[in-house]
Amino acid sequence: MARSVLIVDDEPNIVISLEFLVRQAGYESRIARDGDAALAAVAERLPDLILLDVMMPKRDGYDVCQTIRANPAWAGVRIIMLTARGREIDREKGFALGVDDYVTKPFSTREVVELIKHYLEPAP
C-alpha cells in the first residue's frame, strides 16, 4: 500500500500543484481545505505525512498541529508546514508545536518533493 500524504490548504492552485507532485512521486494523496476537515481526515485514516498550511478557515495550522501532537495515537505522523508566514517567530512557533519541517511559500516544488521523500522513505 502506498504511503499517504494529507494536503491541508485552502488555496485551490496550491492544492492542485501539491496533489500532482505527491502523486507523481508515487504517494497517495488526500485533501482537506480547512483545519476541521484536516482533523476529521486524520481521525478517519491516519496519513503518513501532512502538508499543512497555517492560515486557513475554522482552525489554523498551528491549532491543527497542536491537536495532532496532543493525541498519542497520532504522534507518529510527520508534519511539514507550508506557509506564507516566513518570519523567524512563526518558524519557531511551528517547531515548538511539533512540526517536522517548515517551508515558506512560494516554495520550490523540488524542495517539497525531496522533503516528502526524506520523511517517508527509509534511509539507504
N, C-alpha and C. Protein backbone atom coordinates (compact mmCIF):
# COMPACT_ATOMS: atom_id res chain seq x y z
N MET A 1 0.84 -1.18 0.00
CA MET A 1 0.00 0.00 0.00
C MET A 1 0.88 1.25 0.00
N ALA A 2 0.53 2.23 -0.83
CA ALA A 2 1.32 3.45 -0.95
C ALA A 2 1.24 4.27 0.33
N ARG A 3 2.34 4.93 0.64
CA ARG A 3 2.33 5.86 1.77
C ARG A 3 1.38 7.00 1.43
N SER A 4 0.74 7.58 2.44
CA SER A 4 -0.27 8.60 2.17
C SER A 4 0.14 9.97 2.70
N VAL A 5 -0.25 10.99 1.93
CA VAL A 5 0.03 12.37 2.27
C VAL A 5 -1.29 13.12 2.31
N LEU A 6 -1.55 13.80 3.41
CA LEU A 6 -2.74 14.64 3.54
C LEU A 6 -2.31 16.07 3.25
N ILE A 7 -2.92 16.67 2.23
CA ILE A 7 -2.63 18.05 1.84
C ILE A 7 -3.70 18.93 2.48
N VAL A 8 -3.28 19.86 3.31
CA VAL A 8 -4.23 20.73 4.02
C VAL A 8 -3.94 22.18 3.63
N ASP A 9 -4.78 22.71 2.76
CA ASP A 9 -4.61 24.09 2.29
C ASP A 9 -5.94 24.56 1.71
N ASP A 10 -6.23 25.84 1.85
CA ASP A 10 -7.49 26.37 1.33
C ASP A 10 -7.32 27.07 -0.02
N GLU A 11 -6.11 27.11 -0.55
CA GLU A 11 -5.83 27.76 -1.83
C GLU A 11 -5.85 26.71 -2.95
N PRO A 12 -6.88 26.74 -3.82
CA PRO A 12 -7.05 25.69 -4.84
C PRO A 12 -5.82 25.47 -5.73
N ASN A 13 -5.14 26.53 -6.15
CA ASN A 13 -3.98 26.36 -7.03
C ASN A 13 -2.84 25.62 -6.33
N ILE A 14 -2.66 25.89 -5.07
CA ILE A 14 -1.61 25.20 -4.31
C ILE A 14 -1.99 23.74 -4.11
N VAL A 15 -3.25 23.48 -3.82
CA VAL A 15 -3.72 22.10 -3.64
C VAL A 15 -3.49 21.29 -4.91
N ILE A 16 -3.86 21.86 -6.07
CA ILE A 16 -3.69 21.16 -7.35
C ILE A 16 -2.21 20.85 -7.59
N SER A 17 -1.35 21.83 -7.36
CA SER A 17 0.09 21.65 -7.57
C SER A 17 0.65 20.58 -6.63
N LEU A 18 0.31 20.66 -5.35
CA LEU A 18 0.82 19.68 -4.39
C LEU A 18 0.28 18.28 -4.66
N GLU A 19 -0.99 18.19 -5.02
CA GLU A 19 -1.57 16.88 -5.31
C GLU A 19 -0.85 16.23 -6.49
N PHE A 20 -0.55 17.01 -7.51
CA PHE A 20 0.18 16.50 -8.67
C PHE A 20 1.56 16.01 -8.25
N LEU A 21 2.28 16.81 -7.47
CA LEU A 21 3.64 16.45 -7.03
C LEU A 21 3.63 15.17 -6.18
N VAL A 22 2.68 15.08 -5.27
CA VAL A 22 2.60 13.92 -4.38
C VAL A 22 2.33 12.65 -5.18
N ARG A 23 1.37 12.72 -6.09
CA ARG A 23 1.04 11.54 -6.89
C ARG A 23 2.17 11.17 -7.84
N GLN A 24 2.81 12.18 -8.43
CA GLN A 24 3.93 11.92 -9.34
C GLN A 24 5.08 11.23 -8.60
N ALA A 25 5.24 11.54 -7.32
CA ALA A 25 6.29 10.92 -6.50
C ALA A 25 5.90 9.52 -6.03
N GLY A 26 4.67 9.09 -6.33
CA GLY A 26 4.26 7.72 -6.02
C GLY A 26 3.50 7.55 -4.71
N TYR A 27 3.01 8.64 -4.15
CA TYR A 27 2.27 8.56 -2.90
C TYR A 27 0.78 8.79 -3.13
N GLU A 28 -0.02 8.26 -2.23
CA GLU A 28 -1.46 8.51 -2.25
C GLU A 28 -1.68 9.90 -1.66
N SER A 29 -2.63 10.65 -2.21
CA SER A 29 -2.91 11.97 -1.65
C SER A 29 -4.38 12.09 -1.27
N ARG A 30 -4.60 12.82 -0.19
CA ARG A 30 -5.95 13.21 0.22
C ARG A 30 -5.90 14.70 0.49
N ILE A 31 -7.08 15.35 0.46
CA ILE A 31 -7.12 16.79 0.58
C ILE A 31 -8.10 17.20 1.67
N ALA A 32 -7.71 18.21 2.45
CA ALA A 32 -8.59 18.88 3.40
C ALA A 32 -8.41 20.38 3.18
N ARG A 33 -9.51 21.11 3.15
CA ARG A 33 -9.43 22.53 2.80
C ARG A 33 -9.54 23.48 4.00
N ASP A 34 -9.67 22.91 5.20
CA ASP A 34 -9.65 23.75 6.40
C ASP A 34 -9.20 22.88 7.58
N GLY A 35 -8.98 23.53 8.72
CA GLY A 35 -8.46 22.82 9.88
C GLY A 35 -9.38 21.74 10.42
N ASP A 36 -10.68 22.01 10.45
CA ASP A 36 -11.62 21.00 10.94
C ASP A 36 -11.63 19.77 10.03
N ALA A 37 -11.62 20.01 8.71
CA ALA A 37 -11.60 18.90 7.75
C ALA A 37 -10.30 18.10 7.89
N ALA A 38 -9.21 18.79 8.19
CA ALA A 38 -7.93 18.10 8.37
C ALA A 38 -7.99 17.13 9.54
N LEU A 39 -8.52 17.59 10.67
CA LEU A 39 -8.60 16.72 11.84
C LEU A 39 -9.56 15.56 11.62
N ALA A 40 -10.65 15.81 10.89
CA ALA A 40 -11.58 14.73 10.56
C ALA A 40 -10.90 13.69 9.67
N ALA A 41 -10.09 14.15 8.70
CA ALA A 41 -9.39 13.24 7.80
C ALA A 41 -8.35 12.40 8.56
N VAL A 42 -7.67 13.03 9.51
CA VAL A 42 -6.68 12.30 10.32
C VAL A 42 -7.38 11.25 11.18
N ALA A 43 -8.53 11.60 11.75
CA ALA A 43 -9.28 10.66 12.58
C ALA A 43 -9.82 9.49 11.75
N GLU A 44 -10.20 9.78 10.52
CA GLU A 44 -10.75 8.75 9.64
C GLU A 44 -9.69 7.74 9.23
N ARG A 45 -8.53 8.25 8.80
CA ARG A 45 -7.42 7.36 8.40
C ARG A 45 -6.12 8.14 8.53
N LEU A 46 -5.28 7.69 9.43
CA LEU A 46 -4.04 8.39 9.74
C LEU A 46 -3.11 8.42 8.53
N PRO A 47 -2.73 9.62 8.07
CA PRO A 47 -1.77 9.70 6.97
C PRO A 47 -0.35 9.47 7.48
N ASP A 48 0.57 9.23 6.57
CA ASP A 48 1.97 9.11 6.95
C ASP A 48 2.61 10.48 7.12
N LEU A 49 2.10 11.46 6.34
CA LEU A 49 2.67 12.80 6.36
C LEU A 49 1.56 13.80 6.06
N ILE A 50 1.66 14.99 6.66
CA ILE A 50 0.71 16.07 6.40
C ILE A 50 1.47 17.28 5.89
N LEU A 51 1.02 17.83 4.75
CA LEU A 51 1.49 19.13 4.27
C LEU A 51 0.46 20.13 4.77
N LEU A 52 0.85 20.99 5.70
CA LEU A 52 -0.10 21.78 6.47
C LEU A 52 0.13 23.28 6.30
N ASP A 53 -0.90 23.97 5.78
CA ASP A 53 -0.86 25.44 5.69
C ASP A 53 -1.15 26.02 7.08
N VAL A 54 -0.72 27.25 7.31
CA VAL A 54 -1.00 27.90 8.59
C VAL A 54 -2.32 28.66 8.54
N MET A 55 -2.46 29.54 7.57
CA MET A 55 -3.62 30.42 7.54
C MET A 55 -4.76 29.78 6.75
N MET A 56 -5.75 29.26 7.50
CA MET A 56 -6.90 28.57 6.90
C MET A 56 -8.16 28.92 7.69
N PRO A 57 -9.32 28.67 7.07
CA PRO A 57 -10.57 28.88 7.81
C PRO A 57 -10.76 27.87 8.94
N LYS A 58 -11.58 28.24 9.88
CA LYS A 58 -12.02 27.42 11.01
C LYS A 58 -10.93 27.20 12.05
N ARG A 59 -9.89 26.46 11.73
CA ARG A 59 -8.76 26.26 12.64
C ARG A 59 -7.49 26.52 11.85
N ASP A 60 -6.56 27.26 12.43
CA ASP A 60 -5.31 27.48 11.69
C ASP A 60 -4.39 26.27 11.84
N GLY A 61 -3.33 26.27 11.05
CA GLY A 61 -2.40 25.14 11.04
C GLY A 61 -1.72 24.90 12.37
N TYR A 62 -1.46 25.98 13.12
CA TYR A 62 -0.84 25.80 14.42
C TYR A 62 -1.76 25.00 15.35
N ASP A 63 -3.04 25.33 15.34
CA ASP A 63 -4.01 24.63 16.18
C ASP A 63 -4.14 23.17 15.74
N VAL A 64 -4.17 22.94 14.43
CA VAL A 64 -4.25 21.58 13.91
C VAL A 64 -3.02 20.78 14.37
N CYS A 65 -1.85 21.35 14.22
CA CYS A 65 -0.62 20.67 14.63
C CYS A 65 -0.64 20.35 16.12
N GLN A 66 -1.03 21.32 16.93
CA GLN A 66 -1.07 21.11 18.38
C GLN A 66 -2.05 20.00 18.75
N THR A 67 -3.20 19.97 18.09
CA THR A 67 -4.20 18.94 18.36
C THR A 67 -3.68 17.55 17.98
N ILE A 68 -3.01 17.47 16.83
CA ILE A 68 -2.44 16.18 16.39
C ILE A 68 -1.36 15.71 17.37
N ARG A 69 -0.47 16.61 17.75
CA ARG A 69 0.62 16.24 18.65
C ARG A 69 0.14 15.88 20.05
N ALA A 70 -1.04 16.36 20.43
CA ALA A 70 -1.58 16.06 21.76
C ALA A 70 -2.19 14.66 21.83
N ASN A 71 -2.42 14.04 20.69
CA ASN A 71 -3.05 12.73 20.65
C ASN A 71 -1.97 11.66 20.46
N PRO A 72 -1.71 10.82 21.47
CA PRO A 72 -0.65 9.81 21.36
C PRO A 72 -0.82 8.87 20.16
N ALA A 73 -2.05 8.59 19.76
CA ALA A 73 -2.29 7.69 18.63
C ALA A 73 -1.86 8.32 17.31
N TRP A 74 -1.71 9.63 17.28
CA TRP A 74 -1.34 10.34 16.05
C TRP A 74 0.11 10.83 16.09
N ALA A 75 0.84 10.49 17.12
CA ALA A 75 2.17 11.06 17.34
C ALA A 75 3.17 10.78 16.22
N GLY A 76 2.99 9.67 15.52
CA GLY A 76 3.98 9.29 14.51
C GLY A 76 3.83 9.98 13.17
N VAL A 77 2.75 10.70 12.95
CA VAL A 77 2.56 11.34 11.65
C VAL A 77 3.55 12.49 11.51
N ARG A 78 4.15 12.58 10.33
CA ARG A 78 5.09 13.67 10.04
C ARG A 78 4.31 14.88 9.57
N ILE A 79 4.75 16.08 9.97
CA ILE A 79 4.06 17.31 9.57
C ILE A 79 5.07 18.28 8.98
N ILE A 80 4.81 18.69 7.73
CA ILE A 80 5.59 19.73 7.09
C ILE A 80 4.67 20.93 6.93
N MET A 81 5.02 22.03 7.55
CA MET A 81 4.22 23.23 7.45
C MET A 81 4.64 24.01 6.22
N LEU A 82 3.66 24.35 5.38
CA LEU A 82 3.88 25.16 4.18
C LEU A 82 3.11 26.45 4.37
N THR A 83 3.80 27.58 4.44
CA THR A 83 3.10 28.81 4.77
C THR A 83 3.76 30.05 4.20
N ALA A 84 2.96 31.09 4.04
CA ALA A 84 3.49 32.39 3.61
C ALA A 84 4.13 33.12 4.79
N ARG A 85 3.91 32.61 5.99
CA ARG A 85 4.47 33.25 7.18
C ARG A 85 5.93 32.84 7.34
N GLY A 86 6.84 33.72 6.94
CA GLY A 86 8.25 33.37 6.93
C GLY A 86 9.08 34.00 8.02
N ARG A 87 8.45 34.75 8.92
CA ARG A 87 9.24 35.36 9.99
C ARG A 87 9.79 34.29 10.93
N GLU A 88 10.91 34.58 11.53
CA GLU A 88 11.56 33.61 12.42
C GLU A 88 10.64 33.21 13.58
N ILE A 89 9.88 34.15 14.10
CA ILE A 89 8.97 33.85 15.21
C ILE A 89 7.91 32.83 14.80
N ASP A 90 7.45 32.92 13.53
CA ASP A 90 6.46 31.95 13.03
C ASP A 90 7.09 30.56 12.90
N ARG A 91 8.31 30.52 12.39
CA ARG A 91 9.02 29.23 12.27
C ARG A 91 9.22 28.61 13.66
N GLU A 92 9.67 29.42 14.60
CA GLU A 92 9.91 28.92 15.96
C GLU A 92 8.62 28.37 16.58
N LYS A 93 7.51 29.07 16.34
CA LYS A 93 6.22 28.60 16.88
C LYS A 93 5.87 27.24 16.28
N GLY A 94 6.06 27.08 14.96
CA GLY A 94 5.78 25.81 14.31
C GLY A 94 6.61 24.67 14.89
N PHE A 95 7.90 24.91 15.03
CA PHE A 95 8.77 23.86 15.59
C PHE A 95 8.43 23.58 17.05
N ALA A 96 8.08 24.61 17.82
CA ALA A 96 7.71 24.42 19.22
C ALA A 96 6.45 23.56 19.35
N LEU A 97 5.55 23.67 18.36
CA LEU A 97 4.32 22.87 18.40
C LEU A 97 4.50 21.47 17.84
N GLY A 98 5.67 21.21 17.23
CA GLY A 98 5.97 19.84 16.82
C GLY A 98 6.02 19.56 15.34
N VAL A 99 6.11 20.60 14.48
CA VAL A 99 6.25 20.29 13.06
C VAL A 99 7.62 19.67 12.82
N ASP A 100 7.71 18.83 11.80
CA ASP A 100 8.99 18.22 11.44
C ASP A 100 9.82 19.14 10.56
N ASP A 101 9.12 19.94 9.74
CA ASP A 101 9.81 20.87 8.86
C ASP A 101 8.89 22.04 8.56
N TYR A 102 9.50 23.12 8.06
CA TYR A 102 8.77 24.37 7.83
C TYR A 102 9.25 24.95 6.52
N VAL A 103 8.35 25.12 5.56
CA VAL A 103 8.71 25.63 4.24
C VAL A 103 7.88 26.88 3.98
N THR A 104 8.56 27.94 3.53
CA THR A 104 7.89 29.20 3.27
C THR A 104 7.45 29.29 1.82
N LYS A 105 6.20 29.75 1.61
CA LYS A 105 5.68 30.00 0.27
C LYS A 105 6.22 31.34 -0.21
N PRO A 106 6.49 31.51 -1.50
CA PRO A 106 6.41 30.47 -2.52
C PRO A 106 7.54 29.47 -2.32
N PHE A 107 7.24 28.20 -2.56
CA PHE A 107 8.21 27.14 -2.30
C PHE A 107 8.68 26.52 -3.60
N SER A 108 9.83 25.89 -3.52
CA SER A 108 10.37 25.13 -4.65
C SER A 108 9.68 23.76 -4.65
N THR A 109 9.10 23.40 -5.78
CA THR A 109 8.42 22.10 -5.86
C THR A 109 9.42 20.97 -5.62
N ARG A 110 10.63 21.13 -6.12
CA ARG A 110 11.66 20.11 -5.92
C ARG A 110 11.97 19.95 -4.43
N GLU A 111 12.05 21.07 -3.72
CA GLU A 111 12.34 21.03 -2.29
C GLU A 111 11.23 20.28 -1.53
N VAL A 112 9.98 20.54 -1.88
CA VAL A 112 8.86 19.87 -1.20
C VAL A 112 8.90 18.37 -1.45
N VAL A 113 9.13 17.97 -2.70
CA VAL A 113 9.20 16.54 -3.02
C VAL A 113 10.36 15.88 -2.28
N GLU A 114 11.51 16.55 -2.23
CA GLU A 114 12.66 15.99 -1.51
C GLU A 114 12.36 15.83 -0.02
N LEU A 115 11.65 16.80 0.56
CA LEU A 115 11.29 16.68 1.98
C LEU A 115 10.32 15.52 2.21
N ILE A 116 9.33 15.38 1.34
CA ILE A 116 8.38 14.28 1.47
C ILE A 116 9.13 12.95 1.43
N LYS A 117 9.99 12.80 0.45
CA LYS A 117 10.77 11.55 0.33
C LYS A 117 11.67 11.35 1.54
N HIS A 118 12.27 12.42 2.03
CA HIS A 118 13.15 12.32 3.21
C HIS A 118 12.40 11.73 4.41
N TYR A 119 11.15 12.18 4.60
CA TYR A 119 10.40 11.73 5.77
C TYR A 119 9.67 10.40 5.55
N LEU A 120 9.42 10.02 4.30
CA LEU A 120 8.63 8.81 4.06
C LEU A 120 9.42 7.61 3.56
N GLU A 121 10.61 7.83 3.04
CA GLU A 121 11.37 6.71 2.50
C GLU A 121 12.48 6.32 3.47
N PRO A 122 12.65 5.04 3.66
CA PRO A 122 13.70 4.59 4.60
C PRO A 122 15.08 4.99 4.12
N ALA A 123 15.96 5.28 5.07
CA ALA A 123 17.33 5.62 4.73
C ALA A 123 18.02 4.42 4.10
N PRO A 124 18.88 4.65 3.11
CA PRO A 124 19.56 3.51 2.45
C PRO A 124 20.53 2.79 3.37
